[in-house]
């Protein structure tokens, strides 16, 4: 009987450790999803800024060329 109780206690401990690990992994997964959402949003903003800069540089080049030809 003592051996059975010991095995049950050990199994209970393993189950508790597994539950803790599942919770930890769930929390990490939620954090990673939030980070991904933030990075995706930031990427969109940076792409917009890059496009604005590209447009401004193209405009400056066109003005310089027109000044050169004038």
PDB file of N, CA and C in Angstrom:
ATOM      1  N   UNK A   1       0.820  -1.197   0.000  1.00  0.00           N
ATOM      2  CA  UNK A   1       0.000   0.000   0.000  1.00  0.00           C
ATOM      3  C   UNK A   1       0.861   1.257   0.000  1.00  0.00           C
ATOM      4  N   UNK A   2       1.963   1.242   0.730  1.00  0.00           N
ATOM      5  CA  UNK A   2       2.853   2.383   0.819  1.00  0.00           C
ATOM      6  C   UNK A   2       3.475   2.687  -0.543  1.00  0.00           C
ATOM      7  N   UNK A   3       3.818   1.641  -1.294  1.00  0.00           N
ATOM      8  CA  UNK A   3       4.401   1.804  -2.620  1.00  0.00           C
ATOM      9  C   UNK A   3       3.395   2.440  -3.571  1.00  0.00           C
ATOM     10  N   UNK A   4       2.147   2.031  -3.474  1.00  0.00           N
ATOM     11  CA  UNK A   4       1.086   2.597  -4.321  1.00  0.00           C
ATOM     12  C   UNK A   4       0.878   4.066  -3.987  1.00  0.00           C
ATOM     13  N   UNK A   5       0.859   4.392  -2.738  1.00  0.00           N
ATOM     14  CA  UNK A   5       0.695   5.786  -2.315  1.00  0.00           C
ATOM     15  C   UNK A   5       1.862   6.630  -2.808  1.00  0.00           C
ATOM     16  N   UNK A   6       3.049   6.093  -2.718  1.00  0.00           N
ATOM     17  CA  UNK A   6       4.236   6.806  -3.182  1.00  0.00           C
ATOM     18  C   UNK A   6       4.155   7.059  -4.685  1.00  0.00           C
ATOM     19  N   UNK A   7       3.702   6.050  -5.424  1.00  0.00           N
ATOM     20  CA  UNK A   7       3.573   6.206  -6.879  1.00  0.00           C
ATOM     21  C   UNK A   7       2.510   7.235  -7.228  1.00  0.00           C
ATOM     22  N   UNK A   8       1.418   7.217  -6.491  1.00  0.00           N
ATOM     23  CA  UNK A   8       0.335   8.193  -6.729  1.00  0.00           C
ATOM     24  C   UNK A   8       0.830   9.595  -6.420  1.00  0.00           C
ATOM     25  N   UNK A   9       1.550   9.764  -5.320  1.00  0.00           N
ATOM     26  CA  UNK A   9       2.091  11.079  -4.961  1.00  0.00           C
ATOM     27  C   UNK A   9       3.072  11.580  -6.024  1.00  0.00           C
ATOM     28  N   UNK A  10       3.891  10.678  -6.518  1.00  0.00           N
ATOM     29  CA  UNK A  10       4.852  11.049  -7.562  1.00  0.00           C
ATOM     30  C   UNK A  10       4.114  11.449  -8.847  1.00  0.00           C
ATOM     31  N   UNK A  11       3.078  10.695  -9.206  1.00  0.00           N
ATOM     32  CA  UNK A  11       2.287  11.009 -10.391  1.00  0.00           C
ATOM     33  C   UNK A  11       1.580  12.349 -10.221  1.00  0.00           C
ATOM     34  N   UNK A  12       1.075  12.602  -9.029  1.00  0.00           N
ATOM     35  CA  UNK A  12       0.417  13.880  -8.750  1.00  0.00           C
ATOM     36  C   UNK A  12       1.404  15.043  -8.908  1.00  0.00           C
ATOM     37  N   UNK A  13       2.617  14.845  -8.426  1.00  0.00           N
ATOM     38  CA  UNK A  13       3.651  15.864  -8.557  1.00  0.00           C
ATOM     39  C   UNK A  13       3.964  16.109 -10.035  1.00  0.00           C
ATOM     40  N   UNK A  14       4.067  15.054 -10.816  1.00  0.00           N
ATOM     41  CA  UNK A  14       4.354  15.198 -12.242  1.00  0.00           C
ATOM     42  C   UNK A  14       3.218  15.934 -12.958  1.00  0.00           C
ATOM     43  N   UNK A  15       1.976  15.605 -12.592  1.00  0.00           N
ATOM     44  CA  UNK A  15       0.822  16.279 -13.194  1.00  0.00           C
ATOM     45  C   UNK A  15       0.849  17.762 -12.844  1.00  0.00           C
ATOM     46  N   UNK A  16       1.145  18.080 -11.605  1.00  0.00           N
ATOM     47  CA  UNK A  16       1.222  19.494 -11.197  1.00  0.00           C
ATOM     48  C   UNK A  16       2.327  20.228 -11.952  1.00  0.00           C
ATOM     49  N   UNK A  17       3.466  19.592 -12.131  1.00  0.00           N
ATOM     50  CA  UNK A  17       4.552  20.205 -12.893  1.00  0.00           C
ATOM     51  C   UNK A  17       4.131  20.425 -14.340  1.00  0.00           C
ATOM     52  N   UNK A  18       3.416  19.447 -14.898  1.00  0.00           N
ATOM     53  CA  UNK A  18       2.939  19.578 -16.272  1.00  0.00           C
ATOM     54  C   UNK A  18       1.944  20.726 -16.402  1.00  0.00           C
ATOM     55  N   UNK A  19       1.059  20.874 -15.415  1.00  0.00           N
ATOM     56  CA  UNK A  19       0.095  21.979 -15.420  1.00  0.00           C
ATOM     57  C   UNK A  19       0.801  23.333 -15.341  1.00  0.00           C
ATOM     58  N   UNK A  20       1.817  23.413 -14.492  1.00  0.00           N
ATOM     59  CA  UNK A  20       2.592  24.650 -14.385  1.00  0.00           C
ATOM     60  C   UNK A  20       3.282  24.974 -15.706  1.00  0.00           C
ATOM     61  N   UNK A  21       3.848  23.954 -16.337  1.00  0.00           N
ATOM     62  CA  UNK A  21       4.518  24.159 -17.615  1.00  0.00           C
ATOM     63  C   UNK A  21       3.531  24.622 -18.680  1.00  0.00           C
ATOM     64  N   UNK A  22       2.340  24.020 -18.697  1.00  0.00           N
ATOM     65  CA  UNK A  22       1.313  24.427 -19.664  1.00  0.00           C
ATOM     66  C   UNK A  22       0.914  25.886 -19.452  1.00  0.00           C
ATOM     67  N   UNK A  23       0.765  26.284 -18.201  1.00  0.00           N
ATOM     68  CA  UNK A  23       0.415  27.679 -17.914  1.00  0.00           C
ATOM     69  C   UNK A  23       1.538  28.608 -18.362  1.00  0.00           C
ATOM     70  N   UNK A  24       2.782  28.232 -18.047  1.00  0.00           N
ATOM     71  CA  UNK A  24       3.926  29.054 -18.446  1.00  0.00           C
ATOM     72  C   UNK A  24       3.987  29.184 -19.965  1.00  0.00           C
ATOM     73  N   UNK A  25       3.808  28.072 -20.672  1.00  0.00           N
ATOM     74  CA  UNK A  25       3.857  28.118 -22.130  1.00  0.00           C
ATOM     75  C   UNK A  25       2.696  28.931 -22.703  1.00  0.00           C
ATOM     76  N   UNK A  26       1.535  28.826 -22.074  1.00  0.00           N
ATOM     77  CA  UNK A  26       0.392  29.639 -22.506  1.00  0.00           C
ATOM     78  C   UNK A  26       0.669  31.121 -22.339  1.00  0.00           C
ATOM     79  N   UNK A  27       1.259  31.490 -21.196  1.00  0.00           N
ATOM     80  CA  UNK A  27       1.614  32.892 -20.952  1.00  0.00           C
ATOM     81  C   UNK A  27       2.649  33.379 -21.967  1.00  0.00           C
ATOM     82  N   UNK A  28       3.664  32.552 -22.221  1.00  0.00           N
ATOM     83  CA  UNK A  28       4.684  32.914 -23.215  1.00  0.00           C
ATOM     84  C   UNK A  28       4.060  33.068 -24.596  1.00  0.00           C
ATOM     85  N   UNK A  29       3.140  32.174 -24.928  1.00  0.00           N
ATOM     86  CA  UNK A  29       2.478  32.245 -26.224  1.00  0.00           C
ATOM     87  C   UNK A  29       1.690  33.551 -26.359  1.00  0.00           C
ATOM     88  N   UNK A  30       0.980  33.931 -25.308  1.00  0.00           N
ATOM     89  CA  UNK A  30       0.236  35.196 -25.334  1.00  0.00           C
ATOM     90  C   UNK A  30       1.179  36.387 -25.493  1.00  0.00           C
ATOM     91  N   UNK A  31       2.300  36.358 -24.774  1.00  0.00           N
ATOM     92  CA  UNK A  31       3.291  37.435 -24.898  1.00  0.00           C
ATOM     93  C   UNK A  31       3.839  37.514 -26.315  1.00  0.00           C
ATOM     94  N   UNK A  32       4.138  36.354 -26.893  1.00  0.00           N
ATOM     95  CA  UNK A  32       4.683  36.337 -28.255  1.00  0.00           C
ATOM     96  C   UNK A  32       3.661  36.832 -29.267  1.00  0.00           C
ATOM     97  N   UNK A  33       2.402  36.487 -29.069  1.00  0.00           N
ATOM     98  CA  UNK A  33       1.350  36.989 -29.973  1.00  0.00           C
ATOM     99  C   UNK A  33       1.244  38.515 -29.883  1.00  0.00           C
ATOM    100  N   UNK A  34       1.330  39.043 -28.679  1.00  0.00           N
ATOM    101  CA  UNK A  34       1.267  40.495 -28.492  1.00  0.00           C
ATOM    102  C   UNK A  34       2.476  41.167 -29.147  1.00  0.00           C
ATOM    103  N   UNK A  35       3.653  40.569 -28.982  1.00  0.00           N
ATOM    104  CA  UNK A  35       4.859  41.118 -29.612  1.00  0.00           C
ATOM    105  C   UNK A  35       4.731  41.090 -31.131  1.00  0.00           C
ATOM    106  N   UNK A  36       4.206  40.003 -31.663  1.00  0.00           N
ATOM    107  CA  UNK A  36       4.028  39.884 -33.111  1.00  0.00           C
ATOM    108  C   UNK A  36       3.068  40.942 -33.632  1.00  0.00           C
ATOM    109  N   UNK A  37       1.987  41.162 -32.907  1.00  0.00           N
ATOM    110  CA  UNK A  37       1.025  42.184 -33.309  1.00  0.00           C
ATOM    111  C   UNK A  37       1.682  43.562 -33.297  1.00  0.00           C
ATOM    112  N   UNK A  38       2.454  43.845 -32.261  1.00  0.00           N
ATOM    113  CA  UNK A  38       3.135  45.145 -32.164  1.00  0.00           C
ATOM    114  C   UNK A  38       4.144  45.312 -33.299  1.00  0.00           C
ATOM    115  N   UNK A  39       4.931  44.280 -33.554  1.00  0.00           N
ATOM    116  CA  UNK A  39       5.951  44.350 -34.605  1.00  0.00           C
ATOM    117  C   UNK A  39       5.301  44.493 -35.976  1.00  0.00           C
ATOM    118  N   UNK A  40       4.203  43.794 -36.197  1.00  0.00           N
ATOM    119  CA  UNK A  40       3.495  43.895 -37.477  1.00  0.00           C
ATOM    120  C   UNK A  40       2.975  45.314 -37.684  1.00  0.00           C
ATOM    121  N   UNK A  41       2.429  45.887 -36.624  1.00  0.00           N
ATOM    122  CA  UNK A  41       1.936  47.264 -36.702  1.00  0.00           C
ATOM    123  C   UNK A  41       3.081  48.233 -36.961  1.00  0.00           C
ATOM    124  N   UNK A  42       4.179  48.037 -36.248  1.00  0.00           N
ATOM    125  CA  UNK A  42       5.353  48.899 -36.419  1.00  0.00           C
ATOM    126  C   UNK A  42       5.904  48.787 -37.839  1.00  0.00           C
ATOM    127  N   UNK A  43       5.903  47.578 -38.372  1.00  0.00           N
ATOM    128  CA  UNK A  43       6.382  47.361 -39.751  1.00  0.00           C
ATOM    129  C   UNK A  43       5.527  48.152 -40.735  1.00  0.00           C
ATOM    130  N   UNK A  44       4.209  48.122 -40.541  1.00  0.00           N
ATOM    131  CA  UNK A  44       3.323  48.879 -41.419  1.00  0.00           C
ATOM    132  C   UNK A  44       3.624  50.368 -41.372  1.00  0.00           C
ATOM    133  N   UNK A  45       3.840  50.874 -40.179  1.00  0.00           N
ATOM    134  CA  UNK A  45       4.173  52.292 -40.020  1.00  0.00           C
ATOM    135  C   UNK A  45       5.490  52.619 -40.712  1.00  0.00           C
ATOM    136  N   UNK A  46       6.488  51.757 -40.542  1.00  0.00           N
ATOM    137  CA  UNK A  46       7.792  51.997 -41.170  1.00  0.00           C
ATOM    138  C   UNK A  46       7.698  51.931 -42.697  1.00  0.00           C
ATOM    139  N   UNK A  47       6.878  51.034 -43.216  1.00  0.00           N
ATOM    140  CA  UNK A  47       6.698  50.969 -44.671  1.00  0.00           C
ATOM    141  C   UNK A  47       6.055  52.251 -45.204  1.00  0.00           C
ATOM    142  N   UNK A  48       5.087  52.781 -44.455  1.00  0.00           N
ATOM    143  CA  UNK A  48       4.472  54.052 -44.854  1.00  0.00           C
ATOM    144  C   UNK A  48       5.497  55.183 -44.838  1.00  0.00           C
ATOM    145  N   UNK A  49       6.315  55.235 -43.788  1.00  0.00           N
ATOM    146  CA  UNK A  49       7.335  56.285 -43.703  1.00  0.00           C
ATOM    147  C   UNK A  49       8.359  56.149 -44.829  1.00  0.00           C
ATOM    148  N   UNK A  50       8.724  54.923 -45.154  1.00  0.00           N
ATOM    149  CA  UNK A  50       9.670  54.693 -46.242  1.00  0.00           C
ATOM    150  C   UNK A  50       9.084  55.186 -47.561  1.00  0.00           C
ATOM    151  N   UNK A  51       7.820  54.914 -47.781  1.00  0.00           N
ATOM    152  CA  UNK A  51       7.164  55.356 -49.022  1.00  0.00           C
ATOM    153  C   UNK A  51       7.102  56.880 -49.095  1.00  0.00           C
ATOM    154  N   UNK A  52       6.825  57.517 -47.963  1.00  0.00           N
ATOM    155  CA  UNK A  52       6.803  58.981 -47.927  1.00  0.00           C
ATOM    156  C   UNK A  52       8.188  59.542 -48.241  1.00  0.00           C
ATOM    157  N   UNK A  53       9.218  58.963 -47.662  1.00  0.00           N
ATOM    158  CA  UNK A  53      10.585  59.427 -47.906  1.00  0.00           C
ATOM    159  C   UNK A  53      10.964  59.222 -49.367  1.00  0.00           C
ATOM    160  N   UNK A  54      10.602  58.067 -49.919  1.00  0.00           N
ATOM    161  CA  UNK A  54      10.905  57.788 -51.324  1.00  0.00           C
ATOM    162  C   UNK A  54      10.236  58.826 -52.228  1.00  0.00           C
ATOM    163  N   UNK A  55       8.993  59.128 -51.923  1.00  0.00           N
ATOM    164  CA  UNK A  55       8.250  60.111 -52.711  1.00  0.00           C
ATOM    165  C   UNK A  55       8.900  61.499 -52.602  1.00  0.00           C
ATOM    166  N   UNK A  56       9.324  61.871 -51.410  1.00  0.00           N
ATOM    167  CA  UNK A  56       9.966  63.173 -51.224  1.00  0.00           C
ATOM    168  C   UNK A  56      11.296  63.242 -51.986  1.00  0.00           C
ATOM    169  N   UNK A  57      12.072  62.163 -51.939  1.00  0.00           N
ATOM    170  CA  UNK A  57      13.355  62.138 -52.641  1.00  0.00           C
ATOM    171  C   UNK A  57      13.130  62.213 -54.147  1.00  0.00           C
ATOM    172  N   UNK A  58      12.143  61.486 -54.641  1.00  0.00           N
ATOM    173  CA  UNK A  58      11.839  61.557 -56.071  1.00  0.00           C
ATOM    174  C   UNK A  58      11.435  62.975 -56.464  1.00  0.00           C
ATOM    175  N   UNK A  59      10.646  63.632 -55.613  1.00  0.00           N
ATOM    176  CA  UNK A  59      10.241  65.013 -55.882  1.00  0.00           C
ATOM    177  C   UNK A  59      11.442  65.947 -55.916  1.00  0.00           C
ATOM    178  N   UNK A  60      12.383  65.769 -54.995  1.00  0.00           N
ATOM    179  CA  UNK A  60      13.592  66.605 -54.974  1.00  0.00           C
ATOM    180  C   UNK A  60      14.426  66.373 -56.232  1.00  0.00           C
ATOM    181  N   UNK A  61      14.546  65.122 -56.634  1.00  0.00           N
ATOM    182  CA  UNK A  61      15.317  64.811 -57.845  1.00  0.00           C
ATOM    183  C   UNK A  61      14.683  65.463 -59.064  1.00  0.00           C
ATOM    184  N   UNK A  62      13.379  65.392 -59.150  1.00  0.00           N
ATOM    185  CA  UNK A  62      12.687  66.008 -60.292  1.00  0.00           C
ATOM    186  C   UNK A  62      12.905  67.523 -60.296  1.00  0.00           C
ATOM    187  N   UNK A  63      12.828  68.150 -59.124  1.00  0.00           N
ATOM    188  CA  UNK A  63      13.038  69.605 -59.056  1.00  0.00           C
ATOM    189  C   UNK A  63      14.477  69.963 -59.431  1.00  0.00           C
ATOM    190  N   UNK A  64      15.428  69.172 -58.976  1.00  0.00           N
ATOM    191  CA  UNK A  64      16.826  69.432 -59.317  1.00  0.00           C
ATOM    192  C   UNK A  64      17.058  69.287 -60.819  1.00  0.00           C
ATOM    193  N   UNK A  65      16.462  68.276 -61.397  1.00  0.00           N
ATOM    194  CA  UNK A  65      16.614  68.085 -62.845  1.00  0.00           C
ATOM    195  C   UNK A  65      15.979  69.239 -63.630  1.00  0.00           C
ATOM    196  N   UNK A  66      14.824  69.709 -63.143  1.00  0.00           N
ATOM    197  CA  UNK A  66      14.174  70.822 -63.849  1.00  0.00           C
ATOM    198  C   UNK A  66      14.993  72.103 -63.686  1.00  0.00           C
ATOM    199  N   UNK A  67      15.642  72.285 -62.527  1.00  0.00           N
ATOM    200  CA  UNK A  67      16.495  73.445 -62.336  1.00  0.00           C
ATOM    201  C   UNK A  67      17.728  73.342 -63.241  1.00  0.00           C
ATOM    202  N   UNK A  68      18.235  72.134 -63.397  1.00  0.00           N
ATOM    203  CA  UNK A  68      19.411  71.892 -64.232  1.00  0.00           C
ATOM    204  C   UNK A  68      19.111  72.187 -65.703  1.00  0.00           C
ATOM    205  N   UNK A  69      17.905  71.844 -66.121  1.00  0.00           N
ATOM    206  CA  UNK A  69      17.510  72.038 -67.509  1.00  0.00           C
ATOM    207  C   UNK A  69      17.058  73.463 -67.788  1.00  0.00           C
ATOM    208  N   UNK A  70      16.808  74.254 -66.764  1.00  0.00           N
ATOM    209  CA  UNK A  70      16.300  75.613 -66.974  1.00  0.00           C
ATOM    210  C   UNK A  70      17.394  76.584 -67.352  1.00  0.00           C
TER     211      UNK A  70
END
